Amino acid sequence: MKLLILFFIFTKLLFANNYELKLYEQILPSIFKDEILIYTDSKSKELLEQSKILQIVDSCNEANLLIGKSFEELDELCKQTPYFATSYKSYKTNKKSFGAFYWRKGRPQLKFKKEVIEELNLTLPDNLKKYVK
């Protein structure tokens, strides 16, 4: 029984990471039509480095998108870069956060802020408009 529970937890974690990467690879290119240069925190970097579509950069000055949980230590110029949050708290508190993907009670949550999307002149595809708040 314990072995079955451990197997279930392991497979859930494995598929959760794969699910997140697939989600980023589908959503981000549909929103950003140009080349996507991403600056990310260490946890998200580990996941996004597995992508063949998304490009990770080492400096926030090179990036046209930030992805992560928290970026309090950024240069002022970088704080103007569009931000896709990986936690509910950072989604709510960061003024440049146009969207978020995070897990709540074991369920995936996807959200977008209408006013930030309009401010940044981003266009969401029709299949993502139902996640706008």
N, C-alpha and C. Protein backbone atom coordinates (compact mmCIF):
# COMPACT_ATOMS: atom_id res chain seq x y z
N MET A 1 0.82 -1.20 0.00
CA MET A 1 0.00 0.00 0.00
C MET A 1 0.87 1.27 0.00
N LYS A 2 1.91 1.28 0.86
CA LYS A 2 2.80 2.43 0.92
C LYS A 2 3.51 2.64 -0.42
N LEU A 3 3.89 1.54 -1.04
CA LEU A 3 4.56 1.61 -2.33
C LEU A 3 3.63 2.22 -3.39
N LEU A 4 2.38 1.87 -3.35
CA LEU A 4 1.39 2.41 -4.29
C LEU A 4 1.22 3.92 -4.09
N ILE A 5 1.18 4.35 -2.85
CA ILE A 5 1.04 5.79 -2.55
C ILE A 5 2.27 6.55 -3.02
N LEU A 6 3.47 6.01 -2.75
CA LEU A 6 4.70 6.66 -3.22
C LEU A 6 4.74 6.73 -4.74
N PHE A 7 4.31 5.68 -5.42
CA PHE A 7 4.26 5.68 -6.88
C PHE A 7 3.31 6.76 -7.37
N PHE A 8 2.16 6.90 -6.77
CA PHE A 8 1.18 7.91 -7.17
C PHE A 8 1.74 9.33 -7.00
N ILE A 9 2.38 9.58 -5.87
CA ILE A 9 2.97 10.90 -5.61
C ILE A 9 4.08 11.20 -6.62
N PHE A 10 4.94 10.24 -6.87
CA PHE A 10 6.03 10.43 -7.82
C PHE A 10 5.51 10.73 -9.22
N THR A 11 4.53 9.96 -9.71
CA THR A 11 4.00 10.18 -11.05
C THR A 11 3.27 11.51 -11.15
N LYS A 12 2.60 11.91 -10.08
CA LYS A 12 1.91 13.20 -10.10
C LYS A 12 2.93 14.34 -10.22
N LEU A 13 4.03 14.27 -9.48
CA LEU A 13 5.07 15.30 -9.58
C LEU A 13 5.72 15.30 -10.96
N LEU A 14 5.96 14.14 -11.50
CA LEU A 14 6.56 14.04 -12.82
C LEU A 14 5.66 14.65 -13.89
N PHE A 15 4.39 14.31 -13.87
CA PHE A 15 3.47 14.84 -14.87
C PHE A 15 3.14 16.30 -14.63
N ALA A 16 3.22 16.77 -13.40
CA ALA A 16 2.96 18.18 -13.12
C ALA A 16 4.00 19.05 -13.80
N ASN A 17 5.26 18.70 -13.72
CA ASN A 17 6.31 19.47 -14.39
C ASN A 17 6.14 19.43 -15.90
N ASN A 18 5.85 18.25 -16.44
CA ASN A 18 5.65 18.12 -17.87
C ASN A 18 4.43 18.93 -18.31
N TYR A 19 3.40 18.93 -17.52
CA TYR A 19 2.19 19.70 -17.80
C TYR A 19 2.50 21.19 -17.82
N GLU A 20 3.25 21.67 -16.86
CA GLU A 20 3.60 23.09 -16.80
C GLU A 20 4.41 23.51 -18.02
N LEU A 21 5.39 22.72 -18.39
CA LEU A 21 6.22 23.06 -19.54
C LEU A 21 5.39 23.11 -20.81
N LYS A 22 4.52 22.14 -21.01
CA LYS A 22 3.65 22.14 -22.19
C LYS A 22 2.74 23.36 -22.19
N LEU A 23 2.25 23.73 -21.03
CA LEU A 23 1.39 24.90 -20.93
C LEU A 23 2.15 26.16 -21.34
N TYR A 24 3.35 26.35 -20.82
CA TYR A 24 4.17 27.52 -21.18
C TYR A 24 4.47 27.52 -22.69
N GLU A 25 4.80 26.35 -23.23
CA GLU A 25 5.14 26.27 -24.66
C GLU A 25 3.94 26.56 -25.56
N GLN A 26 2.74 26.35 -25.08
CA GLN A 26 1.56 26.66 -25.88
C GLN A 26 1.09 28.09 -25.68
N ILE A 27 1.10 28.56 -24.44
CA ILE A 27 0.54 29.88 -24.14
C ILE A 27 1.45 31.01 -24.58
N LEU A 28 2.69 30.98 -24.21
CA LEU A 28 3.58 32.12 -24.44
C LEU A 28 3.78 32.46 -25.92
N PRO A 29 4.04 31.49 -26.80
CA PRO A 29 4.17 31.86 -28.22
C PRO A 29 2.86 32.39 -28.82
N SER A 30 1.73 32.02 -28.27
CA SER A 30 0.46 32.54 -28.80
C SER A 30 0.20 33.98 -28.35
N ILE A 31 0.84 34.41 -27.27
CA ILE A 31 0.68 35.78 -26.77
C ILE A 31 1.77 36.69 -27.33
N PHE A 32 3.01 36.22 -27.32
CA PHE A 32 4.16 36.98 -27.81
C PHE A 32 4.54 36.45 -29.19
N LYS A 33 4.29 37.23 -30.19
CA LYS A 33 4.53 36.78 -31.57
C LYS A 33 6.02 36.82 -31.93
N ASP A 34 6.79 37.70 -31.31
CA ASP A 34 8.22 37.80 -31.59
C ASP A 34 8.98 36.76 -30.76
N GLU A 35 10.29 36.79 -30.89
CA GLU A 35 11.14 35.89 -30.11
C GLU A 35 10.93 36.14 -28.61
N ILE A 36 10.80 35.08 -27.85
CA ILE A 36 10.56 35.20 -26.42
C ILE A 36 11.87 34.94 -25.68
N LEU A 37 12.37 35.97 -25.01
CA LEU A 37 13.58 35.87 -24.20
C LEU A 37 13.15 35.96 -22.74
N ILE A 38 13.35 34.90 -21.99
CA ILE A 38 12.82 34.79 -20.64
C ILE A 38 13.91 34.85 -19.60
N TYR A 39 13.68 35.70 -18.61
CA TYR A 39 14.52 35.72 -17.41
C TYR A 39 13.65 35.12 -16.30
N THR A 40 14.20 34.18 -15.55
CA THR A 40 13.38 33.44 -14.60
C THR A 40 14.10 33.20 -13.28
N ASP A 41 13.34 32.84 -12.27
CA ASP A 41 13.94 32.46 -11.00
C ASP A 41 14.49 31.04 -11.12
N SER A 42 15.23 30.58 -10.11
CA SER A 42 15.93 29.30 -10.22
C SER A 42 14.97 28.11 -10.35
N LYS A 43 13.84 28.13 -9.65
CA LYS A 43 12.90 27.01 -9.72
C LYS A 43 12.29 26.89 -11.11
N SER A 44 11.85 27.99 -11.67
CA SER A 44 11.25 27.96 -13.01
C SER A 44 12.30 27.70 -14.08
N LYS A 45 13.51 28.17 -13.85
CA LYS A 45 14.59 27.99 -14.83
C LYS A 45 14.86 26.51 -15.07
N GLU A 46 14.85 25.74 -14.00
CA GLU A 46 15.07 24.31 -14.10
C GLU A 46 14.07 23.67 -15.06
N LEU A 47 12.82 24.07 -14.96
CA LEU A 47 11.78 23.54 -15.81
C LEU A 47 11.88 24.06 -17.24
N LEU A 48 12.04 25.37 -17.40
CA LEU A 48 12.02 26.00 -18.72
C LEU A 48 13.25 25.67 -19.56
N GLU A 49 14.35 25.30 -18.93
CA GLU A 49 15.54 24.91 -19.69
C GLU A 49 15.31 23.64 -20.50
N GLN A 50 14.29 22.87 -20.16
CA GLN A 50 13.97 21.65 -20.89
C GLN A 50 13.23 21.95 -22.20
N SER A 51 12.79 23.18 -22.38
CA SER A 51 12.01 23.56 -23.55
C SER A 51 12.89 23.70 -24.79
N LYS A 52 12.34 23.30 -25.92
CA LYS A 52 13.02 23.49 -27.20
C LYS A 52 12.49 24.74 -27.89
N ILE A 53 11.45 25.35 -27.33
CA ILE A 53 10.80 26.52 -27.93
C ILE A 53 11.21 27.82 -27.24
N LEU A 54 11.24 27.81 -25.92
CA LEU A 54 11.48 29.02 -25.14
C LEU A 54 12.97 29.21 -24.89
N GLN A 55 13.40 30.45 -24.91
CA GLN A 55 14.83 30.77 -24.73
C GLN A 55 15.04 31.49 -23.40
N ILE A 56 15.92 30.95 -22.57
CA ILE A 56 16.24 31.52 -21.27
C ILE A 56 17.48 32.41 -21.42
N VAL A 57 17.43 33.60 -20.80
CA VAL A 57 18.58 34.50 -20.81
C VAL A 57 19.08 34.68 -19.38
N ASP A 58 20.35 35.10 -19.24
CA ASP A 58 20.98 35.21 -17.93
C ASP A 58 20.80 36.57 -17.27
N SER A 59 20.30 37.55 -18.00
CA SER A 59 20.14 38.89 -17.46
C SER A 59 18.73 39.40 -17.74
N CYS A 60 18.16 40.06 -16.75
CA CYS A 60 16.81 40.59 -16.95
C CYS A 60 16.81 41.73 -17.98
N ASN A 61 17.96 42.36 -18.20
CA ASN A 61 18.06 43.42 -19.20
C ASN A 61 17.91 42.90 -20.63
N GLU A 62 18.21 41.62 -20.85
CA GLU A 62 18.08 41.01 -22.17
C GLU A 62 16.67 40.48 -22.41
N ALA A 63 15.89 40.29 -21.35
CA ALA A 63 14.61 39.60 -21.43
C ALA A 63 13.47 40.50 -21.88
N ASN A 64 12.49 39.88 -22.55
CA ASN A 64 11.24 40.58 -22.83
C ASN A 64 10.08 39.96 -22.06
N LEU A 65 10.41 39.03 -21.14
CA LEU A 65 9.42 38.41 -20.27
C LEU A 65 10.10 37.86 -19.02
N LEU A 66 9.48 38.06 -17.87
CA LEU A 66 9.94 37.48 -16.61
C LEU A 66 8.96 36.38 -16.21
N ILE A 67 9.48 35.26 -15.74
CA ILE A 67 8.64 34.18 -15.23
C ILE A 67 9.21 33.75 -13.89
N GLY A 68 8.37 33.70 -12.87
CA GLY A 68 8.84 33.24 -11.58
C GLY A 68 7.92 33.60 -10.44
N LYS A 69 8.41 33.32 -9.26
CA LYS A 69 7.63 33.54 -8.05
C LYS A 69 7.88 34.91 -7.44
N SER A 70 9.14 35.36 -7.47
CA SER A 70 9.46 36.62 -6.82
C SER A 70 10.69 37.25 -7.45
N PHE A 71 10.59 38.56 -7.72
CA PHE A 71 11.70 39.30 -8.31
C PHE A 71 11.88 40.65 -7.61
N GLU A 72 12.02 40.66 -6.30
CA GLU A 72 12.18 41.92 -5.57
C GLU A 72 13.51 42.60 -5.82
N GLU A 73 14.53 41.86 -6.17
CA GLU A 73 15.89 42.39 -6.29
C GLU A 73 16.25 42.84 -7.71
N LEU A 74 15.29 43.21 -8.52
CA LEU A 74 15.56 43.58 -9.92
C LEU A 74 15.91 45.05 -10.08
N ASP A 75 16.63 45.37 -11.16
CA ASP A 75 16.88 46.76 -11.55
C ASP A 75 15.53 47.42 -11.87
N GLU A 76 15.49 48.73 -11.79
CA GLU A 76 14.25 49.46 -12.11
C GLU A 76 13.80 49.21 -13.54
N LEU A 77 14.75 49.16 -14.49
CA LEU A 77 14.39 48.90 -15.89
C LEU A 77 13.72 47.54 -16.05
N CYS A 78 14.20 46.56 -15.32
CA CYS A 78 13.65 45.22 -15.41
C CYS A 78 12.25 45.13 -14.81
N LYS A 79 11.95 45.99 -13.88
CA LYS A 79 10.62 45.96 -13.25
C LYS A 79 9.52 46.40 -14.21
N GLN A 80 9.91 46.96 -15.36
CA GLN A 80 8.95 47.35 -16.39
C GLN A 80 8.66 46.22 -17.38
N THR A 81 9.39 45.13 -17.28
CA THR A 81 9.24 43.99 -18.17
C THR A 81 7.98 43.21 -17.80
N PRO A 82 7.20 42.76 -18.79
CA PRO A 82 6.01 41.94 -18.49
C PRO A 82 6.39 40.73 -17.64
N TYR A 83 5.49 40.37 -16.75
CA TYR A 83 5.77 39.36 -15.74
C TYR A 83 4.68 38.30 -15.73
N PHE A 84 5.06 37.03 -15.84
CA PHE A 84 4.13 35.91 -15.71
C PHE A 84 4.47 35.21 -14.41
N ALA A 85 3.55 35.26 -13.46
CA ALA A 85 3.80 34.77 -12.10
C ALA A 85 3.60 33.26 -11.98
N THR A 86 4.31 32.69 -11.02
CA THR A 86 4.14 31.26 -10.72
C THR A 86 3.58 31.05 -9.33
N SER A 87 3.05 32.10 -8.73
CA SER A 87 2.36 31.99 -7.45
C SER A 87 1.23 33.02 -7.41
N TYR A 88 0.21 32.71 -6.65
CA TYR A 88 -0.93 33.62 -6.56
C TYR A 88 -0.52 34.95 -5.93
N LYS A 89 0.32 34.89 -4.91
CA LYS A 89 0.74 36.11 -4.22
C LYS A 89 1.48 37.06 -5.16
N SER A 90 2.42 36.53 -5.93
CA SER A 90 3.16 37.40 -6.84
C SER A 90 2.27 37.90 -7.98
N TYR A 91 1.30 37.13 -8.37
CA TYR A 91 0.33 37.55 -9.39
C TYR A 91 -0.47 38.75 -8.90
N LYS A 92 -0.90 38.71 -7.66
CA LYS A 92 -1.72 39.79 -7.10
C LYS A 92 -0.90 41.03 -6.76
N THR A 93 0.34 40.88 -6.31
CA THR A 93 1.10 42.02 -5.82
C THR A 93 1.94 42.73 -6.87
N ASN A 94 2.33 42.06 -7.93
CA ASN A 94 3.18 42.67 -8.95
C ASN A 94 2.33 43.40 -9.98
N LYS A 95 2.58 44.69 -10.18
CA LYS A 95 1.78 45.52 -11.09
C LYS A 95 1.97 45.14 -12.55
N LYS A 96 3.09 44.56 -12.92
CA LYS A 96 3.34 44.17 -14.31
C LYS A 96 3.00 42.71 -14.58
N SER A 97 2.41 42.03 -13.59
CA SER A 97 2.01 40.64 -13.78
C SER A 97 0.75 40.59 -14.63
N PHE A 98 0.89 40.10 -15.86
CA PHE A 98 -0.27 40.02 -16.75
C PHE A 98 -0.97 38.68 -16.64
N GLY A 99 -0.29 37.69 -16.06
CA GLY A 99 -0.89 36.37 -15.94
C GLY A 99 -0.15 35.52 -14.93
N ALA A 100 -0.74 34.36 -14.65
CA ALA A 100 -0.13 33.46 -13.68
C ALA A 100 -0.57 32.03 -13.94
N PHE A 101 0.33 31.12 -13.61
CA PHE A 101 0.01 29.71 -13.55
C PHE A 101 0.60 29.19 -12.25
N TYR A 102 -0.25 28.60 -11.42
CA TYR A 102 0.20 28.07 -10.13
C TYR A 102 -0.73 26.94 -9.73
N TRP A 103 -0.33 26.23 -8.70
CA TRP A 103 -1.12 25.11 -8.19
C TRP A 103 -1.77 25.53 -6.88
N ARG A 104 -3.06 25.24 -6.73
CA ARG A 104 -3.78 25.51 -5.49
C ARG A 104 -4.59 24.26 -5.15
N LYS A 105 -4.32 23.71 -3.97
CA LYS A 105 -4.98 22.50 -3.50
C LYS A 105 -4.89 21.37 -4.51
N GLY A 106 -3.71 21.26 -5.14
CA GLY A 106 -3.47 20.18 -6.09
C GLY A 106 -4.09 20.39 -7.46
N ARG A 107 -4.65 21.57 -7.69
CA ARG A 107 -5.29 21.85 -8.98
C ARG A 107 -4.58 23.00 -9.68
N PRO A 108 -4.42 22.88 -11.00
CA PRO A 108 -3.76 23.97 -11.73
C PRO A 108 -4.67 25.18 -11.85
N GLN A 109 -4.09 26.37 -11.72
CA GLN A 109 -4.83 27.63 -11.84
C GLN A 109 -4.15 28.49 -12.90
N LEU A 110 -4.92 28.99 -13.83
CA LEU A 110 -4.42 29.88 -14.87
C LEU A 110 -5.26 31.15 -14.85
N LYS A 111 -4.60 32.31 -14.76
CA LYS A 111 -5.31 33.59 -14.67
C LYS A 111 -4.57 34.65 -15.47
N PHE A 112 -5.34 35.62 -15.97
CA PHE A 112 -4.79 36.77 -16.67
C PHE A 112 -5.49 38.03 -16.17
N LYS A 113 -4.75 39.14 -16.10
CA LYS A 113 -5.30 40.44 -15.70
C LYS A 113 -5.64 41.25 -16.95
N LYS A 114 -6.90 41.58 -17.10
CA LYS A 114 -7.36 42.30 -18.28
C LYS A 114 -6.67 43.65 -18.44
N GLU A 115 -6.59 44.43 -17.36
CA GLU A 115 -6.03 45.78 -17.47
C GLU A 115 -4.54 45.77 -17.82
N VAL A 116 -3.79 44.81 -17.33
CA VAL A 116 -2.35 44.73 -17.64
C VAL A 116 -2.16 44.25 -19.07
N ILE A 117 -2.96 43.31 -19.51
CA ILE A 117 -2.89 42.83 -20.89
C ILE A 117 -3.16 43.98 -21.86
N GLU A 118 -4.15 44.80 -21.55
CA GLU A 118 -4.45 45.96 -22.40
C GLU A 118 -3.33 46.98 -22.36
N GLU A 119 -2.79 47.23 -21.18
CA GLU A 119 -1.69 48.19 -21.03
C GLU A 119 -0.46 47.77 -21.83
N LEU A 120 -0.18 46.47 -21.86
CA LEU A 120 0.99 45.94 -22.56
C LEU A 120 0.70 45.67 -24.04
N ASN A 121 -0.52 45.91 -24.48
CA ASN A 121 -0.95 45.66 -25.87
C ASN A 121 -0.74 44.21 -26.29
N LEU A 122 -1.07 43.31 -25.38
CA LEU A 122 -0.99 41.88 -25.68
C LEU A 122 -2.36 41.40 -26.15
N THR A 123 -2.36 40.40 -26.99
CA THR A 123 -3.61 39.82 -27.47
C THR A 123 -3.65 38.35 -27.09
N LEU A 124 -4.68 37.99 -26.36
CA LEU A 124 -4.86 36.59 -25.99
C LEU A 124 -5.65 35.87 -27.07
N PRO A 125 -5.27 34.63 -27.37
CA PRO A 125 -6.09 33.85 -28.30
C PRO A 125 -7.45 33.55 -27.65
N ASP A 126 -8.42 33.24 -28.45
CA ASP A 126 -9.78 33.01 -27.97
C ASP A 126 -9.87 31.93 -26.89
N ASN A 127 -9.05 30.88 -27.00
CA ASN A 127 -9.13 29.79 -26.03
C ASN A 127 -8.61 30.18 -24.64
N LEU A 128 -7.94 31.34 -24.51
CA LEU A 128 -7.43 31.79 -23.21
C LEU A 128 -8.26 32.91 -22.59
N LYS A 129 -9.18 33.46 -23.35
CA LYS A 129 -9.96 34.61 -22.86
C LYS A 129 -10.85 34.26 -21.67
N LYS A 130 -11.20 33.01 -21.52
CA LYS A 130 -12.04 32.62 -20.38
C LYS A 130 -11.28 32.68 -19.05
N TYR A 131 -9.97 32.83 -19.08
CA TYR A 131 -9.15 32.92 -17.87
C TYR A 131 -8.85 34.37 -17.45
N VAL A 132 -9.41 35.33 -18.17
CA VAL A 132 -9.19 36.74 -17.86
C VAL A 132 -10.08 37.14 -16.70
N LYS A 133 -9.49 37.84 -15.74
CA LYS A 133 -10.23 38.36 -14.57
C LYS A 133 -10.13 39.86 -14.53
